[in-house]
Structures are given as structure tokens and as C-alpha cells.
Amino acid sequence: MELRQAEYKDYERIACLHAESWKRHYREILSDAYLESEAFDDKLLIWQTRLTNPPFNQNIVLAEEGGLLLGFVCVFGNHDFERGSFIEALHVDDSYRGRGIGKQLLLAVAEWQQQYFKDLGLYLEVVAKNDQAIEFYKHIGGQECIERHWKTPEGREAIEKVFRWSNAQSLVSGIEESTIYS
């Protein structure tokens, strides 16, 4: 497996994986109509925009093997005054789950964070019904700090949980400990 920085040419592949991930994990949250006919187009626009003229604090890392996109992570450094850098998206193709890809992507985020935003924390938001993701974040040391309402692309409301790490080293330590005891 190789990790590399995303480039503009990758936007369609990222959008496809992102939309497929939502189709699998957001069925109870978003309508089938949205997931089947709008999600991909929405993600396509988002990723094309993000990779056209990326802001200085954006970092998108891809995990690939033999030309296949296995997963990706997107983080915005120094996004929130109190919480720090925002891990906006982390998705791994279901066919490749359980191989440590999510952990490797988050280690790449921690390395980047350490280099550019050393003293800041990291956080992410996860839909409360996504039990698999919640267990993963708890397993790697994420501390649940709040629960709040998320307005979905369809205008519905869903509950999401916010997980936080105090700094890049606490994320690395959580991943290392989870690997040792897994």
C-alpha cells in the first residue's frame, strides 16, 4: 500500500469512494433517492472544487494499491479555535477494511499536523448511528466531547458525535496502543 497526496486528477475517484461509503453507512440517515441519484454528483462537485485550488490548510491523502483507491482522508488544519484541525473525511473501501488503512491515513494526518499545526488538537464528526466508526475512533483514543445536530444535504437533521485528540501525538499514541492490543 502506498500513501500519497491527492491531485486534481483524483477528484472523481475520491467522489466515487465517498458516495459509495455514504450509500453503505448512511442508509438510515439519508433517503435512498438522495443516495442513489444525488450523492455522487454532490461529492463530485465537492472534491473537484477542493482539488482545483486547495486552501493552504487542506491536506488530502490517498491510500492506493496497484492503482486502486483503498481509502482517503481530508483534514483542514487550524479549522476551529477551540478544537484545532478538522478531520473532515475518512473513508476506506469496505472491501479493504480491517487492514489498518484508516490507521495509516490518520498517522499521515498526525505527521502533517505535527509539521504545520504542532500545538493544536484534532477533531472529527461522526453520525451517531455509525456504530462501526464510533467504535474505531474510541479504540484509537478519540475522546467524545459533544453531541450535536447535523443538517444533512437533504435538510434533515441527524445527531452526530464529535471526537477529539488533544494533539497529533495523542492520536499517534492511540493508534499505537490499539495496534499493540488488537
Protein backbone atom coordinates (compact mmCIF):
# COMPACT_ATOMS: atom_id res chain seq x y z
CA MET A 1 0.00 0.00 0.00
CA GLU A 2 1.19 3.48 -0.84
CA LEU A 3 0.12 6.82 0.62
CA ARG A 4 0.29 9.95 -1.49
CA GLN A 5 -1.09 13.46 -1.71
CA ALA A 6 -4.27 13.83 -3.75
CA GLU A 7 -4.07 15.70 -7.04
CA TYR A 8 -6.76 17.28 -9.18
CA LYS A 9 -6.90 14.19 -11.40
CA ASP A 10 -8.10 12.15 -8.38
CA TYR A 11 -11.33 14.04 -7.69
CA GLU A 12 -13.65 11.59 -9.50
CA ARG A 13 -12.20 8.53 -7.77
CA ILE A 14 -12.45 10.22 -4.37
CA ALA A 15 -16.05 11.27 -5.06
CA CYS A 16 -16.95 7.75 -6.10
CA LEU A 17 -15.50 6.17 -2.93
CA HIS A 18 -17.09 8.87 -0.77
CA ALA A 19 -20.55 8.38 -2.32
CA GLU A 20 -20.28 4.57 -2.10
CA SER A 21 -19.30 4.84 1.55
CA TRP A 22 -22.34 7.02 2.26
CA LYS A 23 -24.57 4.52 0.42
CA ARG A 24 -23.39 1.75 2.74
CA HIS A 25 -23.27 3.62 6.03
CA TYR A 26 -25.90 6.38 5.78
CA ARG A 27 -28.97 4.39 4.64
CA GLU A 28 -30.90 5.16 7.83
CA ILE A 29 -29.93 8.83 7.74
CA LEU A 30 -30.37 9.85 4.09
CA SER A 31 -33.07 8.81 1.66
CA ASP A 32 -32.47 6.11 -0.93
CA ALA A 33 -33.40 8.66 -3.60
CA TYR A 34 -30.63 11.02 -2.47
CA LEU A 35 -28.05 8.25 -2.08
CA GLU A 36 -28.80 6.71 -5.48
CA SER A 37 -29.28 9.81 -7.61
CA GLU A 38 -27.65 12.82 -5.94
CA ALA A 39 -24.85 11.75 -3.61
CA PHE A 40 -22.27 11.09 -6.32
CA ASP A 41 -22.92 14.42 -8.08
CA ASP A 42 -22.69 16.28 -4.76
CA LYS A 43 -19.41 14.58 -3.89
CA LEU A 44 -18.07 15.15 -7.40
CA LEU A 45 -18.62 18.89 -7.07
CA ILE A 46 -17.10 18.99 -3.57
CA TRP A 47 -13.92 17.12 -4.48
CA GLN A 48 -13.42 18.86 -7.81
CA THR A 49 -13.70 22.21 -6.01
CA ARG A 50 -11.37 21.18 -3.19
CA LEU A 51 -8.70 19.98 -5.60
CA THR A 52 -8.97 22.85 -8.09
CA ASN A 53 -7.50 25.50 -5.82
CA PRO A 54 -6.79 23.92 -2.44
CA PRO A 55 -6.52 26.20 0.59
CA PHE A 56 -3.15 26.22 2.36
CA ASN A 57 -4.55 24.37 5.37
CA GLN A 58 -6.08 21.46 3.42
CA ASN A 59 -4.41 18.06 3.29
CA ILE A 60 -5.88 15.13 1.35
CA VAL A 61 -4.04 11.81 1.47
CA LEU A 62 -4.88 8.76 -0.62
CA ALA A 63 -4.15 5.11 0.15
CA GLU A 64 -3.61 3.12 -3.04
CA GLU A 65 -2.53 -0.33 -4.05
CA GLY A 66 -1.88 -1.36 -7.64
CA GLY A 67 -3.65 1.77 -8.87
CA LEU A 68 -6.79 1.10 -6.79
CA LEU A 69 -8.04 3.73 -4.35
CA LEU A 70 -8.39 1.95 -0.99
CA GLY A 71 -9.20 4.99 1.11
CA PHE A 72 -8.62 8.68 1.71
CA VAL A 73 -8.56 11.29 4.43
CA CYS A 74 -9.12 15.04 4.25
CA VAL A 75 -8.09 17.39 7.05
CA PHE A 76 -8.25 21.16 7.45
CA GLY A 77 -5.53 22.48 9.75
CA ASN A 78 -6.36 25.07 12.41
CA HIS A 79 -10.04 24.88 11.46
CA ASP A 80 -11.56 25.61 14.88
CA PHE A 81 -10.18 27.93 17.57
CA GLU A 82 -11.01 25.54 20.42
CA ARG A 83 -10.67 22.09 18.83
CA GLY A 84 -7.91 22.63 16.27
CA SER A 85 -7.66 20.77 12.97
CA PHE A 86 -10.76 19.17 11.47
CA ILE A 87 -10.58 15.66 10.02
CA GLU A 88 -13.41 16.30 7.59
CA ALA A 89 -13.49 12.94 5.84
CA LEU A 90 -12.02 9.48 6.38
CA HIS A 91 -13.31 6.71 4.15
CA VAL A 92 -11.96 3.25 3.42
CA ASP A 93 -13.41 0.99 0.74
CA ASP A 94 -15.41 -1.74 2.51
CA SER A 95 -13.50 -4.41 0.57
CA TYR A 96 -10.29 -3.32 2.29
CA ARG A 97 -11.46 -2.66 5.85
CA GLY A 98 -9.62 -4.36 8.67
CA ARG A 99 -6.20 -3.94 7.04
CA GLY A 100 -5.15 -0.87 9.04
CA ILE A 101 -5.72 1.56 6.18
CA GLY A 102 -7.71 4.02 8.31
CA LYS A 103 -4.97 3.98 10.91
CA GLN A 104 -2.28 4.58 8.28
CA LEU A 105 -4.22 7.51 6.86
CA LEU A 106 -4.64 9.01 10.33
CA LEU A 107 -0.92 8.55 11.02
CA ALA A 108 -0.26 10.58 7.85
CA VAL A 109 -2.62 13.26 9.22
CA ALA A 110 -0.75 13.24 12.54
CA GLU A 111 2.59 13.65 10.76
CA TRP A 112 1.25 16.59 8.75
CA GLN A 113 -0.35 18.09 11.88
CA GLN A 114 2.94 17.77 13.76
CA GLN A 115 4.74 19.61 10.99
CA TYR A 116 2.30 22.50 10.43
CA PHE A 117 -0.02 22.78 13.45
CA LYS A 118 2.04 21.15 16.20
CA ASP A 119 0.33 22.55 19.28
CA LEU A 120 -3.26 22.13 18.10
CA GLY A 121 -5.76 19.37 18.70
CA LEU A 122 -7.61 17.35 16.09
CA TYR A 123 -11.28 16.52 15.89
CA LEU A 124 -13.86 14.88 13.68
CA GLU A 125 -17.60 14.48 13.49
CA VAL A 126 -19.38 11.16 13.02
CA VAL A 127 -23.07 10.40 12.65
CA ALA A 128 -24.33 8.86 15.90
CA LYS A 129 -25.82 5.88 14.04
CA ASN A 130 -22.45 4.94 12.55
CA ASP A 131 -21.56 2.49 15.32
CA GLN A 132 -18.63 0.96 13.43
CA ALA A 133 -16.89 4.33 13.03
CA ILE A 134 -17.62 5.35 16.62
CA GLU A 135 -16.04 2.15 17.94
CA PHE A 136 -12.99 2.72 15.71
CA TYR A 137 -12.47 6.28 16.99
CA LYS A 138 -12.88 5.19 20.61
CA HIS A 139 -10.46 2.31 20.00
CA ILE A 140 -7.76 4.72 18.81
CA GLY A 141 -8.14 7.07 21.76
CA GLY A 142 -10.68 9.58 20.49
CA GLN A 143 -12.48 11.36 23.30
CA GLU A 144 -16.16 12.06 22.69
CA CYS A 145 -16.61 15.71 23.61
CA ILE A 146 -20.09 16.72 22.42
CA GLU A 147 -23.16 15.55 20.61
CA ARG A 148 -24.97 17.91 18.27
CA HIS A 149 -27.36 18.18 15.35
CA TRP A 150 -26.12 17.91 11.76
CA LYS A 151 -28.17 19.27 8.89
CA THR A 152 -27.93 16.68 6.11
CA PRO A 153 -27.67 17.60 2.42
CA GLU A 154 -31.41 16.91 2.19
CA GLY A 155 -32.20 19.34 5.00
CA ARG A 156 -32.97 16.63 7.56
CA GLU A 157 -31.43 16.61 11.00
CA ALA A 158 -29.27 13.84 12.37
CA ILE A 159 -27.33 13.51 15.61
CA GLU A 160 -23.55 13.49 15.31
CA LYS A 161 -20.83 12.95 17.85
CA VAL A 162 -17.60 14.95 17.96
CA PHE A 163 -14.39 13.10 18.85
CA ARG A 164 -11.18 14.89 19.77
CA TRP A 165 -7.49 14.25 20.32
CA SER A 166 -5.52 16.88 22.27
CA ASN A 167 -2.67 16.88 19.73
CA ALA A 168 -1.04 14.82 16.98
CA GLN A 169 0.95 12.77 19.48
CA SER A 170 -2.19 11.70 21.33
CA LEU A 171 -3.63 10.45 18.02
CA VAL A 172 -0.40 8.54 17.28
CA SER A 173 -0.33 7.09 20.80
CA GLY A 174 -3.95 5.96 20.50
CA ILE A 175 -3.25 4.25 17.19
CA GLU A 176 -0.08 2.59 18.50
CA GLU A 177 -1.83 1.33 21.64
CA SER A 178 -4.77 -0.02 19.63
CA THR A 179 -2.36 -1.84 17.33
CA ILE A 180 -0.46 -3.43 20.21
CA TYR A 181 -3.63 -4.63 21.92
CA SER A 182 -5.61 -5.61 18.83
